[in-house]
Amino acid sequence: MSRFTSPSLKTDCLHARGDIPCKPHKHHGVHCDDCTYYRRRQGRILIIKLGATGDVIRTTVILEPLHERYPDHEIWWLTQSPEVVPSSVDRRLRFTPENILAVQAVPFDVVINLDKDLPACALMTRVTGATRFGFTLVDGIPGPVNDLARHKFTTGIFDDINKANTVSYPQEIVELCGLEYTGQEYVMDAPGPSPLTIPSGTGLVVGLNTGCGDRWIAREWPIDHWVQLIERLKGAGHRVVLLGGPAEHERNQMLQQQTGATYGGTFPLGVFPAIVAQCDVVVTAVTMALHVAIALKKRVVLMNNIFNKHEFELYGRGVLIEPEKTCTCFFQHDCTNPEYRCMEHLLPETIYKAVVQE
């Protein structure tokens, strides 16, 4: 072939990239003229869901019904955590100025923004898409695109409406996109090999996610409660693995030294699911680890105080436990009750019984 003669390129193929060779060419050496892997792209969908990471993971429930409603559509996802977006998404884009510019230049058929943050809503006003779901800017502040998003929007604005809600996040977010909720589960790629070696034994491998992040510190469980739980579990022959990120590192080091629980340090976001995959059950507050565990179909013991319990879908593989004393810090960053912190009244023995299903 002359170097001046270019082979034809089917730019409407789902496999076509333009910046790099497509997968059929790399794997099979085919060109567009004789390619049997050609699939005509019927349209493009853009999902804007930036963070937090756990919310990105649980938003993957929309992928299955999106594929069913819009077959042969190319899906793009703009996020701060592309590492947790499954490979069934065609373009997993980090939220950077370069990628923001790219999505503004590409025509989409469907645009879905599931963040009520100002940057995401502002971007929603700048991208093209005839069919739009979720949130945008209304008179300079975040607001619903249409009535489908109004319920989800309102529960984040008024505490009394939030408390009265009985619809789970997965159902809300699927229906917000104009789709039917039928119990769809999270989607996550199979984890790679784990860098952490779990001690051999016959007891359960129990992952303890000891932190709660910086945004909602009212969820934090006391250190002495973690110590008591670890000692109770180890005394019964179970193997305890400490989970967390940089914010929990110092705490987990201390717990390891004090109790002998297994701790391998912190790992990159893309590796963390491999650690969770080794666990039989995960004990956690509402954190990224919760959503990783749900995505991996692990049994979960969820400690909750400040959120509506109906928000969480555990798919029959877990239990949600709240403090025995009433929480007075609903949807608040920190506890302001001068008399007690409710998480002190969520007892280690209660969590232990849930772990071993007594």
Protein backbone atom coordinates (compact mmCIF):
# COMPACT_ATOMS: atom_id res chain seq x y z
CA MET A 1 0.00 0.00 0.00
CA SER A 2 1.32 3.44 -0.90
CA ARG A 3 2.10 5.64 2.02
CA PHE A 4 -0.09 8.26 0.32
CA THR A 5 -3.12 5.94 0.19
CA SER A 6 -5.08 5.81 3.40
CA PRO A 7 -7.40 2.91 4.17
CA SER A 8 -11.02 3.83 4.81
CA LEU A 9 -12.02 4.48 8.41
CA LYS A 10 -15.51 3.82 9.76
CA THR A 11 -15.72 6.58 12.36
CA ASP A 12 -19.26 5.54 13.32
CA CYS A 13 -18.03 2.22 14.74
CA LEU A 14 -18.24 1.64 18.49
CA HIS A 15 -14.63 0.47 18.44
CA ALA A 16 -13.26 3.55 16.62
CA ARG A 17 -11.00 5.82 18.64
CA GLY A 18 -9.11 8.04 16.24
CA ASP A 19 -6.24 8.76 18.64
CA ILE A 20 -5.04 5.14 18.92
CA PRO A 21 -5.69 1.84 17.07
CA CYS A 22 -8.98 0.17 17.87
CA LYS A 23 -9.06 -3.12 19.78
CA PRO A 24 -10.08 -5.33 16.81
CA HIS A 25 -7.10 -4.02 14.85
CA LYS A 26 -4.70 -4.53 17.74
CA HIS A 27 -5.99 -8.02 18.50
CA HIS A 28 -6.71 -9.29 15.00
CA GLY A 29 -4.93 -6.95 12.57
CA VAL A 30 -8.13 -6.10 10.67
CA HIS A 31 -8.86 -2.89 8.76
CA CYS A 32 -12.29 -1.28 8.51
CA ASP A 33 -12.91 -2.53 4.94
CA ASP A 34 -12.88 -6.20 5.93
CA CYS A 35 -13.65 -6.01 9.66
CA THR A 36 -16.25 -8.42 11.00
CA TYR A 37 -16.20 -6.69 14.40
CA TYR A 38 -17.86 -3.53 13.10
CA ARG A 39 -20.72 -2.30 15.28
CA ARG A 40 -22.43 0.88 14.26
CA ARG A 41 -22.60 3.42 17.05
CA GLN A 42 -26.22 4.48 17.56
CA GLY A 43 -25.39 7.41 19.83
CA ARG A 44 -23.38 8.67 22.77
CA ILE A 45 -24.23 9.00 26.47
CA LEU A 46 -22.34 11.21 28.93
CA ILE A 47 -22.48 10.52 32.67
CA ILE A 48 -21.21 13.23 35.00
CA LYS A 49 -20.66 11.81 38.46
CA LEU A 50 -17.53 13.28 39.98
CA GLY A 51 -17.32 12.09 43.59
CA ALA A 52 -17.13 10.96 46.31
CA THR A 53 -15.63 7.64 45.27
CA GLY A 54 -18.24 5.57 47.08
CA ASP A 55 -21.02 7.47 45.36
CA VAL A 56 -19.37 6.82 42.00
CA ILE A 57 -19.33 3.09 42.76
CA ARG A 58 -22.99 2.93 43.75
CA THR A 59 -24.02 4.99 40.75
CA THR A 60 -22.88 2.09 38.52
CA VAL A 61 -26.38 0.62 39.08
CA ILE A 62 -27.51 2.75 36.12
CA LEU A 63 -25.23 1.01 33.62
CA GLU A 64 -27.26 -2.17 33.05
CA PRO A 65 -30.57 -0.38 32.39
CA LEU A 66 -28.77 2.23 30.26
CA HIS A 67 -27.34 -0.50 28.03
CA GLU A 68 -30.81 -2.04 27.75
CA ARG A 69 -32.56 1.25 26.94
CA TYR A 70 -29.86 2.55 24.62
CA PRO A 71 -28.21 -0.42 22.87
CA ASP A 72 -25.03 0.24 20.89
CA HIS A 73 -24.56 3.66 22.48
CA GLU A 74 -21.07 4.71 23.46
CA ILE A 75 -20.90 5.65 27.16
CA TRP A 76 -18.55 8.31 28.49
CA TRP A 77 -18.13 8.89 32.24
CA LEU A 78 -16.50 12.02 33.68
CA THR A 79 -15.36 11.57 37.29
CA GLN A 80 -12.66 12.25 39.84
CA SER A 81 -12.30 8.47 40.35
CA PRO A 82 -12.05 6.75 36.95
CA GLU A 83 -10.26 3.83 38.66
CA VAL A 84 -13.58 2.51 40.02
CA VAL A 85 -15.63 2.97 36.84
CA PRO A 86 -16.07 -0.46 35.17
CA SER A 87 -14.54 -1.28 31.81
CA SER A 88 -18.00 -1.63 30.25
CA VAL A 89 -17.87 2.18 30.06
CA ASP A 90 -16.22 3.12 26.77
CA ARG A 91 -14.42 6.26 27.94
CA ARG A 92 -13.53 6.72 31.59
CA LEU A 93 -12.35 10.30 31.92
CA ARG A 94 -10.80 12.05 34.89
CA PHE A 95 -12.27 15.46 35.71
CA THR A 96 -9.52 17.62 34.24
CA PRO A 97 -9.57 20.83 32.17
CA GLU A 98 -8.54 18.81 29.09
CA ASN A 99 -11.40 16.35 29.45
CA ILE A 100 -13.90 19.08 30.29
CA LEU A 101 -12.92 20.72 26.99
CA ALA A 102 -13.35 17.40 25.19
CA VAL A 103 -16.89 16.68 26.43
CA GLN A 104 -17.96 20.21 25.50
CA ALA A 105 -16.82 19.58 21.91
CA VAL A 106 -18.54 16.20 21.45
CA PRO A 107 -22.26 15.88 20.61
CA PHE A 108 -24.13 13.55 22.99
CA ASP A 109 -27.59 12.10 22.65
CA VAL A 110 -28.12 11.65 26.38
CA VAL A 111 -26.48 13.66 29.17
CA ILE A 112 -26.83 12.60 32.81
CA ASN A 113 -25.47 14.70 35.66
CA LEU A 114 -25.90 13.04 39.05
CA ASP A 115 -23.96 15.58 41.14
CA LYS A 116 -25.56 18.65 42.70
CA ASP A 117 -22.19 20.35 43.11
CA LEU A 118 -21.71 23.68 41.35
CA PRO A 119 -18.91 22.56 38.91
CA ALA A 120 -20.91 19.54 37.70
CA CYS A 121 -24.09 21.56 37.27
CA ALA A 122 -22.20 24.33 35.49
CA LEU A 123 -20.75 21.79 33.06
CA MET A 124 -24.24 20.40 32.49
CA THR A 125 -25.21 23.76 31.00
CA ARG A 126 -22.30 23.63 28.52
CA VAL A 127 -22.58 20.14 27.02
CA THR A 128 -24.96 19.25 24.20
CA GLY A 129 -27.59 16.56 24.57
CA ALA A 130 -31.21 16.42 23.45
CA THR A 131 -32.18 14.12 26.35
CA ARG A 132 -31.04 15.32 29.76
CA PHE A 133 -31.41 13.91 33.27
CA GLY A 134 -30.26 14.90 36.74
CA PHE A 135 -29.14 18.34 37.83
CA THR A 136 -28.16 21.64 36.25
CA LEU A 137 -27.94 25.32 37.18
CA VAL A 138 -31.26 27.05 37.80
CA ASP A 139 -30.96 30.78 38.43
CA GLY A 140 -27.30 30.34 39.33
CA ILE A 141 -27.69 27.48 41.84
CA PRO A 142 -27.97 23.69 41.42
CA GLY A 143 -31.45 22.45 40.63
CA PRO A 144 -33.30 19.56 38.94
CA VAL A 145 -33.35 19.25 35.16
CA ASN A 146 -36.91 17.91 35.27
CA ASP A 147 -39.49 16.40 37.60
CA LEU A 148 -37.70 13.03 37.63
CA ALA A 149 -34.86 14.65 39.61
CA ARG A 150 -37.03 16.73 41.91
CA HIS A 151 -37.43 14.12 44.66
CA LYS A 152 -33.70 13.41 44.88
CA PHE A 153 -32.97 17.13 44.83
CA THR A 154 -35.47 17.88 47.60
CA THR A 155 -34.21 15.18 49.98
CA GLY A 156 -30.82 16.89 49.94
CA ILE A 157 -32.32 20.27 50.84
CA PHE A 158 -34.87 19.56 53.57
CA ASP A 159 -34.05 17.28 56.53
CA ASP A 160 -37.69 16.42 57.27
CA ILE A 161 -38.26 15.23 53.70
CA ASN A 162 -34.97 13.31 53.81
CA LYS A 163 -36.01 11.54 57.03
CA ALA A 164 -39.39 10.61 55.55
CA ASN A 165 -37.85 9.07 52.43
CA THR A 166 -38.19 5.29 52.09
CA VAL A 167 -36.60 4.89 48.65
CA SER A 168 -33.05 3.54 48.35
CA TYR A 169 -30.31 5.42 46.51
CA PRO A 170 -30.07 2.83 43.73
CA GLN A 171 -33.81 3.05 43.06
CA GLU A 172 -33.77 6.87 43.19
CA ILE A 173 -30.83 7.19 40.83
CA VAL A 174 -32.14 4.66 38.28
CA GLU A 175 -35.59 6.24 38.19
CA LEU A 176 -34.07 9.73 38.02
CA CYS A 177 -32.59 8.65 34.66
CA GLY A 178 -36.02 7.68 33.36
CA LEU A 179 -35.27 3.96 33.75
CA GLU A 180 -37.02 1.12 35.58
CA TYR A 181 -35.50 -0.09 38.84
CA THR A 182 -35.58 -3.88 39.13
CA GLY A 183 -32.98 -4.36 41.86
CA GLN A 184 -29.94 -3.73 39.66
CA GLU A 185 -26.65 -4.23 41.49
CA TYR A 186 -23.43 -2.26 41.46
CA VAL A 187 -20.99 -3.01 38.65
CA MET A 188 -17.27 -3.43 39.33
CA ASP A 189 -14.49 -5.10 37.38
CA ALA A 190 -13.01 -8.22 38.98
CA PRO A 191 -10.13 -7.18 41.26
CA GLY A 192 -6.57 -8.10 40.41
CA PRO A 193 -4.24 -10.05 42.70
CA SER A 194 -3.99 -8.82 46.27
CA PRO A 195 -0.67 -7.58 47.68
CA LEU A 196 -1.78 -8.52 51.20
CA THR A 197 -1.31 -12.00 52.67
CA ILE A 198 -4.03 -13.07 55.10
CA PRO A 199 -2.92 -15.45 57.88
CA SER A 200 -4.21 -18.99 57.40
CA GLY A 201 -6.98 -20.24 59.63
CA THR A 202 -10.51 -21.56 59.76
CA GLY A 203 -12.33 -18.53 61.13
CA LEU A 204 -13.93 -15.74 59.16
CA VAL A 205 -11.79 -13.09 57.51
CA VAL A 206 -13.31 -9.90 58.90
CA GLY A 207 -12.41 -6.58 57.31
CA LEU A 208 -12.74 -3.60 59.63
CA ASN A 209 -12.85 -0.22 57.94
CA THR A 210 -11.91 1.91 60.93
CA GLY A 211 -12.44 5.42 59.52
CA CYS A 212 -15.28 7.49 58.19
CA GLY A 213 -13.65 10.22 56.11
CA ASP A 214 -13.34 13.89 56.93
CA ARG A 215 -16.69 15.15 55.67
CA TRP A 216 -18.95 13.37 58.18
CA ILE A 217 -16.88 12.80 61.32
CA ALA A 218 -20.04 12.37 63.39
CA ARG A 219 -19.95 8.74 62.16
CA GLU A 220 -16.64 7.94 63.87
CA TRP A 221 -16.65 4.90 66.16
CA PRO A 222 -14.48 5.18 69.31
CA ILE A 223 -11.03 3.60 69.21
CA ASP A 224 -11.63 1.57 72.36
CA HIS A 225 -14.71 0.04 70.72
CA TRP A 226 -12.56 -1.09 67.77
CA VAL A 227 -10.06 -2.62 70.21
CA GLN A 228 -12.80 -4.53 72.05
CA LEU A 229 -14.30 -5.81 68.80
CA ILE A 230 -10.94 -6.97 67.46
CA GLU A 231 -10.07 -8.78 70.69
CA ARG A 232 -13.50 -10.46 70.75
CA LEU A 233 -13.16 -11.59 67.12
CA LYS A 234 -9.61 -12.84 67.50
CA GLY A 235 -10.50 -14.63 70.70
CA ALA A 236 -13.16 -16.56 68.78
CA GLY A 237 -10.65 -17.61 66.11
CA HIS A 238 -11.53 -15.09 63.42
CA ARG A 239 -8.92 -13.26 61.32
CA VAL A 240 -9.12 -9.49 61.40
CA VAL A 241 -7.90 -7.25 58.57
CA LEU A 242 -7.74 -3.49 59.07
CA LEU A 243 -8.95 -1.43 56.12
CA GLY A 244 -8.59 2.23 55.32
CA GLY A 245 -6.74 4.93 53.45
CA PRO A 246 -4.20 7.59 54.41
CA ALA A 247 -6.62 9.20 56.88
CA GLU A 248 -6.88 5.92 58.82
CA HIS A 249 -3.21 4.91 58.55
CA GLU A 250 -2.09 6.12 61.97
CA ARG A 251 -5.16 4.67 63.66
CA ASN A 252 -4.70 1.31 61.95
CA GLN A 253 -1.02 1.16 62.85
CA MET A 254 -1.94 1.73 66.49
CA LEU A 255 -4.67 -0.93 66.37
CA GLN A 256 -2.29 -3.39 64.75
CA GLN A 257 0.33 -2.85 67.45
CA GLN A 258 -2.23 -3.08 70.22
CA THR A 259 -4.24 -6.09 68.98
CA GLY A 260 -2.14 -7.97 66.42
CA ALA A 261 -4.73 -7.48 63.68
CA THR A 262 -3.46 -7.78 60.11
CA TYR A 263 -2.65 -4.48 58.42
CA GLY A 264 -0.78 -4.03 55.16
CA GLY A 265 -0.74 -0.23 55.00
CA THR A 266 -2.46 1.91 52.41
CA PHE A 267 -2.90 0.95 48.77
CA PRO A 268 -3.81 2.79 45.56
CA LEU A 269 -7.50 3.16 44.84
CA GLY A 270 -7.34 0.58 42.06
CA VAL A 271 -5.83 -2.02 44.41
CA PHE A 272 -8.11 -1.54 47.43
CA PRO A 273 -10.91 -3.79 46.06
CA ALA A 274 -8.43 -6.69 45.91
CA ILE A 275 -7.95 -6.37 49.67
CA VAL A 276 -11.70 -6.26 50.32
CA ALA A 277 -12.20 -9.27 48.04
CA GLN A 278 -10.27 -11.41 50.53
CA CYS A 279 -12.77 -10.69 53.32
CA ASP A 280 -15.80 -12.78 54.21
CA VAL A 281 -17.53 -9.87 55.94
CA VAL A 282 -16.81 -6.15 56.16
CA VAL A 283 -17.64 -3.91 59.11
CA THR A 284 -17.81 -0.26 58.13
CA ALA A 285 -19.53 3.07 58.46
CA VAL A 286 -20.89 4.73 55.32
CA THR A 287 -17.63 4.93 53.38
CA MET A 288 -16.08 3.91 50.09
CA ALA A 289 -15.27 0.53 51.66
CA LEU A 290 -19.01 -0.08 52.14
CA HIS A 291 -19.69 0.38 48.44
CA VAL A 292 -16.68 -1.69 47.39
CA ALA A 293 -17.91 -4.51 49.61
CA ILE A 294 -21.45 -4.28 48.18
CA ALA A 295 -20.07 -4.27 44.64
CA LEU A 296 -18.03 -7.39 45.41
CA LYS A 297 -21.13 -9.04 46.94
CA LYS A 298 -19.57 -9.33 50.39
CA ARG A 299 -21.56 -9.63 53.59
CA VAL A 300 -21.68 -6.24 55.27
CA VAL A 301 -22.24 -4.95 58.79
CA LEU A 302 -23.09 -1.29 58.28
CA MET A 303 -22.84 1.13 61.20
CA ASN A 304 -25.14 4.08 60.55
CA ASN A 305 -26.22 7.07 62.57
CA ILE A 306 -26.55 10.31 60.60
CA PHE A 307 -28.16 9.09 57.37
CA ASN A 308 -31.61 7.77 56.51
CA LYS A 309 -31.34 3.99 56.83
CA HIS A 310 -33.63 3.47 53.83
CA GLU A 311 -30.99 5.01 51.57
CA PHE A 312 -28.84 1.88 51.65
CA GLU A 313 -29.46 -1.25 49.59
CA LEU A 314 -27.49 -4.21 50.95
CA TYR A 315 -29.12 -6.72 48.55
CA GLY A 316 -29.90 -9.19 51.32
CA ARG A 317 -26.24 -9.66 52.19
CA GLY A 318 -25.90 -7.47 55.23
CA VAL A 319 -27.35 -5.76 58.23
CA LEU A 320 -27.57 -2.09 59.17
CA ILE A 321 -27.09 -1.30 62.85
CA GLU A 322 -27.68 2.02 64.59
CA PRO A 323 -26.76 3.23 68.11
CA GLU A 324 -29.01 2.32 71.00
CA LYS A 325 -29.24 6.00 71.96
CA THR A 326 -30.97 8.35 69.55
CA CYS A 327 -28.72 10.20 67.12
CA THR A 328 -29.18 13.98 67.31
CA CYS A 329 -26.75 14.90 64.52
CA PHE A 330 -28.73 13.87 61.43
CA PHE A 331 -26.92 14.83 58.22
CA GLN A 332 -24.34 16.88 60.15
CA HIS A 333 -20.57 17.05 59.84
CA ASP A 334 -19.98 16.53 63.57
CA CYS A 335 -21.95 15.83 66.71
CA THR A 336 -23.07 18.96 68.55
CA ASN A 337 -24.87 17.19 71.40
CA PRO A 338 -23.18 18.25 74.68
CA GLU A 339 -24.57 15.26 76.57
CA TYR A 340 -23.35 12.28 74.51
CA ARG A 341 -22.05 11.06 71.16
CA CYS A 342 -24.45 8.47 69.82
CA MET A 343 -21.73 6.28 68.28
CA GLU A 344 -20.42 5.58 71.77
CA HIS A 345 -23.70 3.73 72.31
CA LEU A 346 -23.19 1.36 69.40
CA LEU A 347 -21.62 -1.45 71.42
CA PRO A 348 -18.80 -3.78 70.28
CA GLU A 349 -20.75 -6.83 71.39
CA THR A 350 -23.66 -5.80 69.16
CA ILE A 351 -21.33 -5.58 66.16
CA TYR A 352 -19.65 -8.87 67.05
CA LYS A 353 -23.00 -10.69 67.11
CA ALA A 354 -23.87 -9.25 63.71
CA VAL A 355 -20.52 -10.39 62.27
CA VAL A 356 -20.92 -13.96 63.46
CA GLN A 357 -24.70 -13.81 62.91
CA GLU A 358 -25.66 -14.71 66.44
